[in-house]
Amino acid sequence: MDDPTITISISPTGDVTVKAQGYRGSTCEDATKTLEVALGVTDDRKRTLEYDLPVEEHTHVRSTH
């Protein structure tokens, strides 16, 4: 999967689009929430196929041997 990326587009008429790519599940909504609030983006949420993918959990194991 690609590195997570958030793209913000502003049209000449002032319409704002926030697009999250490379996120799994609802992590995209967590990543864009602050931006959406700051920019006033609250309309027309479209979820991609990545939204239905399970979120990968990362476990770090450290060996002292």
PDB file of N, CA and C in Angstrom:
ATOM      1  N   MET A   1       0.844  -1.171   0.000  1.00  0.00           N
ATOM      2  CA  MET A   1       0.000   0.000   0.000  1.00  0.00           C
ATOM      3  C   MET A   1       0.891   1.236   0.000  1.00  0.00           C
ATOM      4  N   ASP A   2       0.407   2.289  -0.653  1.00  0.00           N
ATOM      5  CA  ASP A   2       1.151   3.544  -0.728  1.00  0.00           C
ATOM      6  C   ASP A   2       1.244   4.197   0.642  1.00  0.00           C
ATOM      7  N   ASP A   3       2.224   5.094   0.776  1.00  0.00           N
ATOM      8  CA  ASP A   3       2.322   5.880   1.996  1.00  0.00           C
ATOM      9  C   ASP A   3       1.070   6.728   2.133  1.00  0.00           C
ATOM     10  N   PRO A   4       0.565   6.905   3.342  1.00  0.00           N
ATOM     11  CA  PRO A   4      -0.619   7.729   3.543  1.00  0.00           C
ATOM     12  C   PRO A   4      -0.386   9.167   3.083  1.00  0.00           C
ATOM     13  N   THR A   5      -1.356   9.704   2.347  1.00  0.00           N
ATOM     14  CA  THR A   5      -1.262  11.049   1.802  1.00  0.00           C
ATOM     15  C   THR A   5      -2.606  11.750   1.956  1.00  0.00           C
ATOM     16  N   ILE A   6      -2.571  13.015   2.321  1.00  0.00           N
ATOM     17  CA  ILE A   6      -3.780  13.835   2.380  1.00  0.00           C
ATOM     18  C   ILE A   6      -3.595  14.972   1.380  1.00  0.00           C
ATOM     19  N   THR A   7      -4.564  15.104   0.451  1.00  0.00           N
ATOM     20  CA  THR A   7      -4.522  16.152  -0.560  1.00  0.00           C
ATOM     21  C   THR A   7      -5.689  17.100  -0.326  1.00  0.00           C
ATOM     22  N   ILE A   8      -5.394  18.386  -0.276  1.00  0.00           N
ATOM     23  CA  ILE A   8      -6.430  19.413  -0.109  1.00  0.00           C
ATOM     24  C   ILE A   8      -6.500  20.208  -1.398  1.00  0.00           C
ATOM     25  N   SER A   9      -7.712  20.289  -1.974  1.00  0.00           N
ATOM     26  CA  SER A   9      -7.928  21.064  -3.193  1.00  0.00           C
ATOM     27  C   SER A   9      -8.954  22.148  -2.915  1.00  0.00           C
ATOM     28  N   ILE A  10      -8.681  23.344  -3.433  1.00  0.00           N
ATOM     29  CA  ILE A  10      -9.613  24.458  -3.302  1.00  0.00           C
ATOM     30  C   ILE A  10      -9.901  24.980  -4.705  1.00  0.00           C
ATOM     31  N   SER A  11     -11.173  24.927  -5.095  1.00  0.00           N
ATOM     32  CA  SER A  11     -11.570  25.356  -6.439  1.00  0.00           C
ATOM     33  C   SER A  11     -11.610  26.882  -6.507  1.00  0.00           C
ATOM     34  N   PRO A  12     -11.670  27.433  -7.715  1.00  0.00           N
ATOM     35  CA  PRO A  12     -11.780  28.887  -7.860  1.00  0.00           C
ATOM     36  C   PRO A  12     -13.022  29.458  -7.177  1.00  0.00           C
ATOM     37  N   THR A  13     -14.057  28.626  -7.003  1.00  0.00           N
ATOM     38  CA  THR A  13     -15.275  29.095  -6.341  1.00  0.00           C
ATOM     39  C   THR A  13     -15.227  28.911  -4.835  1.00  0.00           C
ATOM     40  N   GLY A  14     -14.118  28.355  -4.315  1.00  0.00           N
ATOM     41  CA  GLY A  14     -13.953  28.203  -2.874  1.00  0.00           C
ATOM     42  C   GLY A  14     -14.372  26.856  -2.323  1.00  0.00           C
ATOM     43  N   ASP A  15     -14.808  25.939  -3.196  1.00  0.00           N
ATOM     44  CA  ASP A  15     -15.150  24.597  -2.731  1.00  0.00           C
ATOM     45  C   ASP A  15     -13.878  23.864  -2.306  1.00  0.00           C
ATOM     46  N   VAL A  16     -13.923  23.229  -1.132  1.00  0.00           N
ATOM     47  CA  VAL A  16     -12.754  22.553  -0.580  1.00  0.00           C
ATOM     48  C   VAL A  16     -12.984  21.051  -0.593  1.00  0.00           C
ATOM     49  N   THR A  17     -11.962  20.319  -1.049  1.00  0.00           N
ATOM     50  CA  THR A  17     -11.994  18.860  -1.045  1.00  0.00           C
ATOM     51  C   THR A  17     -10.784  18.353  -0.288  1.00  0.00           C
ATOM     52  N   VAL A  18     -11.006  17.448   0.639  1.00  0.00           N
ATOM     53  CA  VAL A  18      -9.922  16.798   1.379  1.00  0.00           C
ATOM     54  C   VAL A  18      -9.958  15.331   0.991  1.00  0.00           C
ATOM     55  N   LYS A  19      -8.862  14.827   0.429  1.00  0.00           N
ATOM     56  CA  LYS A  19      -8.802  13.443  -0.034  1.00  0.00           C
ATOM     57  C   LYS A  19      -7.675  12.711   0.688  1.00  0.00           C
ATOM     58  N   ALA A  20      -8.021  11.606   1.322  1.00  0.00           N
ATOM     59  CA  ALA A  20      -7.031  10.794   2.036  1.00  0.00           C
ATOM     60  C   ALA A  20      -6.801   9.512   1.245  1.00  0.00           C
ATOM     61  N   GLN A  21      -5.545   9.193   0.994  1.00  0.00           N
ATOM     62  CA  GLN A  21      -5.192   7.972   0.284  1.00  0.00           C
ATOM     63  C   GLN A  21      -4.155   7.207   1.087  1.00  0.00           C
ATOM     64  N   GLY A  22      -4.209   5.883   0.995  1.00  0.00           N
ATOM     65  CA  GLY A  22      -3.225   5.056   1.664  1.00  0.00           C
ATOM     66  C   GLY A  22      -3.577   4.721   3.100  1.00  0.00           C
ATOM     67  N   TYR A  23      -4.788   5.049   3.521  1.00  0.00           N
ATOM     68  CA  TYR A  23      -5.255   4.731   4.868  1.00  0.00           C
ATOM     69  C   TYR A  23      -6.173   3.527   4.799  1.00  0.00           C
ATOM     70  N   ARG A  24      -6.242   2.759   5.880  1.00  0.00           N
ATOM     71  CA  ARG A  24      -7.149   1.616   5.957  1.00  0.00           C
ATOM     72  C   ARG A  24      -8.218   1.899   6.988  1.00  0.00           C
ATOM     73  N   GLY A  25      -9.426   1.452   6.680  1.00  0.00           N
ATOM     74  CA  GLY A  25     -10.522   1.623   7.633  1.00  0.00           C
ATOM     75  C   GLY A  25     -10.774   3.083   7.937  1.00  0.00           C
ATOM     76  N   SER A  26     -11.241   3.336   9.131  1.00  0.00           N
ATOM     77  CA  SER A  26     -11.611   4.701   9.509  1.00  0.00           C
ATOM     78  C   SER A  26     -10.416   5.561   9.908  1.00  0.00           C
ATOM     79  N   THR A  27      -9.192   5.039   9.770  1.00  0.00           N
ATOM     80  CA  THR A  27      -8.022   5.849  10.115  1.00  0.00           C
ATOM     81  C   THR A  27      -7.936   7.101   9.253  1.00  0.00           C
ATOM     82  N   CYS A  28      -8.513   7.060   8.049  1.00  0.00           N
ATOM     83  CA  CYS A  28      -8.513   8.243   7.187  1.00  0.00           C
ATOM     84  C   CYS A  28      -9.338   9.363   7.821  1.00  0.00           C
ATOM     85  N   GLU A  29     -10.458   9.005   8.444  1.00  0.00           N
ATOM     86  CA  GLU A  29     -11.292  10.013   9.086  1.00  0.00           C
ATOM     87  C   GLU A  29     -10.585  10.618  10.290  1.00  0.00           C
ATOM     88  N   ASP A  30      -9.852   9.800  11.023  1.00  0.00           N
ATOM     89  CA  ASP A  30      -9.080  10.317  12.157  1.00  0.00           C
ATOM     90  C   ASP A  30      -7.996  11.271  11.673  1.00  0.00           C
ATOM     91  N   ALA A  31      -7.360  10.922  10.549  1.00  0.00           N
ATOM     92  CA  ALA A  31      -6.252  11.729  10.026  1.00  0.00           C
ATOM     93  C   ALA A  31      -6.717  13.064   9.462  1.00  0.00           C
ATOM     94  N   THR A  32      -7.943  13.116   8.927  1.00  0.00           N
ATOM     95  CA  THR A  32      -8.407  14.348   8.280  1.00  0.00           C
ATOM     96  C   THR A  32      -9.343  15.189   9.140  1.00  0.00           C
ATOM     97  N   LYS A  33      -9.742  14.668  10.280  1.00  0.00           N
ATOM     98  CA  LYS A  33     -10.746  15.346  11.111  1.00  0.00           C
ATOM     99  C   LYS A  33     -10.366  16.792  11.432  1.00  0.00           C
ATOM    100  N   THR A  34      -9.163  17.029  11.907  1.00  0.00           N
ATOM    101  CA  THR A  34      -8.729  18.376  12.287  1.00  0.00           C
ATOM    102  C   THR A  34      -8.711  19.305  11.076  1.00  0.00           C
ATOM    103  N   LEU A  35      -8.240  18.792   9.947  1.00  0.00           N
ATOM    104  CA  LEU A  35      -8.215  19.606   8.726  1.00  0.00           C
ATOM    105  C   LEU A  35      -9.627  19.968   8.280  1.00  0.00           C
ATOM    106  N   GLU A  36     -10.525  18.994   8.316  1.00  0.00           N
ATOM    107  CA  GLU A  36     -11.899  19.243   7.892  1.00  0.00           C
ATOM    108  C   GLU A  36     -12.564  20.309   8.762  1.00  0.00           C
ATOM    109  N   VAL A  37     -12.343  20.245  10.061  1.00  0.00           N
ATOM    110  CA  VAL A  37     -12.916  21.238  10.966  1.00  0.00           C
ATOM    111  C   VAL A  37     -12.323  22.619  10.671  1.00  0.00           C
ATOM    112  N   ALA A  38     -11.008  22.684  10.517  1.00  0.00           N
ATOM    113  CA  ALA A  38     -10.343  23.968  10.270  1.00  0.00           C
ATOM    114  C   ALA A  38     -10.774  24.592   8.942  1.00  0.00           C
ATOM    115  N   LEU A  39     -11.004  23.736   7.933  1.00  0.00           N
ATOM    116  CA  LEU A  39     -11.370  24.229   6.603  1.00  0.00           C
ATOM    117  C   LEU A  39     -12.873  24.360   6.405  1.00  0.00           C
ATOM    118  N   GLY A  40     -13.644  23.845   7.353  1.00  0.00           N
ATOM    119  CA  GLY A  40     -15.094  23.916   7.231  1.00  0.00           C
ATOM    120  C   GLY A  40     -15.676  22.888   6.278  1.00  0.00           C
ATOM    121  N   VAL A  41     -14.963  21.792   6.053  1.00  0.00           N
ATOM    122  CA  VAL A  41     -15.431  20.743   5.144  1.00  0.00           C
ATOM    123  C   VAL A  41     -16.284  19.762   5.937  1.00  0.00           C
ATOM    124  N   THR A  42     -17.576  19.699   5.616  1.00  0.00           N
ATOM    125  CA  THR A  42     -18.452  18.771   6.335  1.00  0.00           C
ATOM    126  C   THR A  42     -19.435  18.066   5.411  1.00  0.00           C
ATOM    127  N   ASP A  43     -19.449  18.408   4.140  1.00  0.00           N
ATOM    128  CA  ASP A  43     -20.440  17.876   3.211  1.00  0.00           C
ATOM    129  C   ASP A  43     -19.888  16.719   2.378  1.00  0.00           C
ATOM    130  N   ASP A  44     -20.788  15.849   1.982  1.00  0.00           N
ATOM    131  CA  ASP A  44     -20.534  14.877   0.932  1.00  0.00           C
ATOM    132  C   ASP A  44     -19.287  14.020   1.140  1.00  0.00           C
ATOM    133  N   ARG A  45     -19.286  13.197   2.162  1.00  0.00           N
ATOM    134  CA  ARG A  45     -18.163  12.293   2.422  1.00  0.00           C
ATOM    135  C   ARG A  45     -18.285  11.070   1.511  1.00  0.00           C
ATOM    136  N   LYS A  46     -17.228  10.770   0.777  1.00  0.00           N
ATOM    137  CA  LYS A  46     -17.200   9.603  -0.102  1.00  0.00           C
ATOM    138  C   LYS A  46     -16.104   8.664   0.385  1.00  0.00           C
ATOM    139  N   ARG A  47     -16.463   7.440   0.666  1.00  0.00           N
ATOM    140  CA  ARG A  47     -15.487   6.468   1.152  1.00  0.00           C
ATOM    141  C   ARG A  47     -14.972   5.623  -0.003  1.00  0.00           C
ATOM    142  N   THR A  48     -13.676   5.322   0.045  1.00  0.00           N
ATOM    143  CA  THR A  48     -13.054   4.505  -0.998  1.00  0.00           C
ATOM    144  C   THR A  48     -13.069   3.032  -0.582  1.00  0.00           C
ATOM    145  N   LEU A  49     -12.586   2.182  -1.458  1.00  0.00           N
ATOM    146  CA  LEU A  49     -12.496   0.758  -1.148  1.00  0.00           C
ATOM    147  C   LEU A  49     -11.553   0.502   0.019  1.00  0.00           C
ATOM    148  N   GLU A  50     -10.570   1.369   0.210  1.00  0.00           N
ATOM    149  CA  GLU A  50      -9.621   1.215   1.320  1.00  0.00           C
ATOM    150  C   GLU A  50     -10.324   1.296   2.668  1.00  0.00           C
ATOM    151  N   TYR A  51     -11.471   1.981   2.714  1.00  0.00           N
ATOM    152  CA  TYR A  51     -12.196   2.131   3.974  1.00  0.00           C
ATOM    153  C   TYR A  51     -12.624   0.772   4.521  1.00  0.00           C
ATOM    154  N   ASP A  52     -12.907  -0.165   3.642  1.00  0.00           N
ATOM    155  CA  ASP A  52     -13.372  -1.487   4.056  1.00  0.00           C
ATOM    156  C   ASP A  52     -12.240  -2.457   4.392  1.00  0.00           C
ATOM    157  N   LEU A  53     -10.992  -2.031   4.196  1.00  0.00           N
ATOM    158  CA  LEU A  53      -9.857  -2.895   4.524  1.00  0.00           C
ATOM    159  C   LEU A  53      -9.612  -2.887   6.025  1.00  0.00           C
ATOM    160  N   PRO A  54      -9.162  -4.014   6.568  1.00  0.00           N
ATOM    161  CA  PRO A  54      -8.861  -4.036   8.000  1.00  0.00           C
ATOM    162  C   PRO A  54      -7.664  -3.144   8.315  1.00  0.00           C
ATOM    163  N   VAL A  55      -7.700  -2.549   9.485  1.00  0.00           N
ATOM    164  CA  VAL A  55      -6.600  -1.696   9.936  1.00  0.00           C
ATOM    165  C   VAL A  55      -5.469  -2.607  10.387  1.00  0.00           C
ATOM    166  N   GLU A  56      -4.266  -2.337   9.881  1.00  0.00           N
ATOM    167  CA  GLU A  56      -3.101  -3.126  10.272  1.00  0.00           C
ATOM    168  C   GLU A  56      -2.602  -2.650  11.619  1.00  0.00           C
ATOM    169  N   GLU A  57      -2.380  -3.584  12.499  1.00  0.00           N
ATOM    170  CA  GLU A  57      -1.818  -3.240  13.796  1.00  0.00           C
ATOM    171  C   GLU A  57      -0.337  -3.579  13.766  1.00  0.00           C
ATOM    172  N   HIS A  58       0.455  -2.654  14.247  1.00  0.00           N
ATOM    173  CA  HIS A  58       1.901  -2.851  14.270  1.00  0.00           C
ATOM    174  C   HIS A  58       2.323  -3.207  15.683  1.00  0.00           C
ATOM    175  N   THR A  59       3.017  -4.309  15.798  1.00  0.00           N
ATOM    176  CA  THR A  59       3.529  -4.737  17.091  1.00  0.00           C
ATOM    177  C   THR A  59       5.044  -4.682  17.030  1.00  0.00           C
ATOM    178  N   HIS A  60       5.625  -3.999  17.983  1.00  0.00           N
ATOM    179  CA  HIS A  60       7.078  -3.892  18.042  1.00  0.00           C
ATOM    180  C   HIS A  60       7.588  -4.863  19.093  1.00  0.00           C
ATOM    181  N   VAL A  61       8.495  -5.719  18.688  1.00  0.00           N
ATOM    182  CA  VAL A  61       9.078  -6.694  19.608  1.00  0.00           C
ATOM    183  C   VAL A  61      10.564  -6.384  19.714  1.00  0.00           C
ATOM    184  N   ARG A  62      11.045  -6.262  20.916  1.00  0.00           N
ATOM    185  CA  ARG A  62      12.451  -5.969  21.129  1.00  0.00           C
ATOM    186  C   ARG A  62      13.069  -7.155  21.854  1.00  0.00           C
ATOM    187  N   SER A  63      14.164  -7.621  21.312  1.00  0.00           N
ATOM    188  CA  SER A  63      14.866  -8.725  21.942  1.00  0.00           C
ATOM    189  C   SER A  63      16.104  -8.180  22.642  1.00  0.00           C
ATOM    190  N   THR A  64      16.360  -8.675  23.829  1.00  0.00           N
ATOM    191  CA  THR A  64      17.556  -8.239  24.560  1.00  0.00           C
ATOM    192  C   THR A  64      18.666  -9.258  24.461  1.00  0.00           C
ATOM    193  N   HIS A  65      18.478 -10.278  23.656  1.00  0.00           N
ATOM    194  CA  HIS A  65      19.502 -11.324  23.515  1.00  0.00           C
ATOM    195  C   HIS A  65      20.372 -11.084  22.320  1.00  0.00           C
TER     196      HIS A  65
END
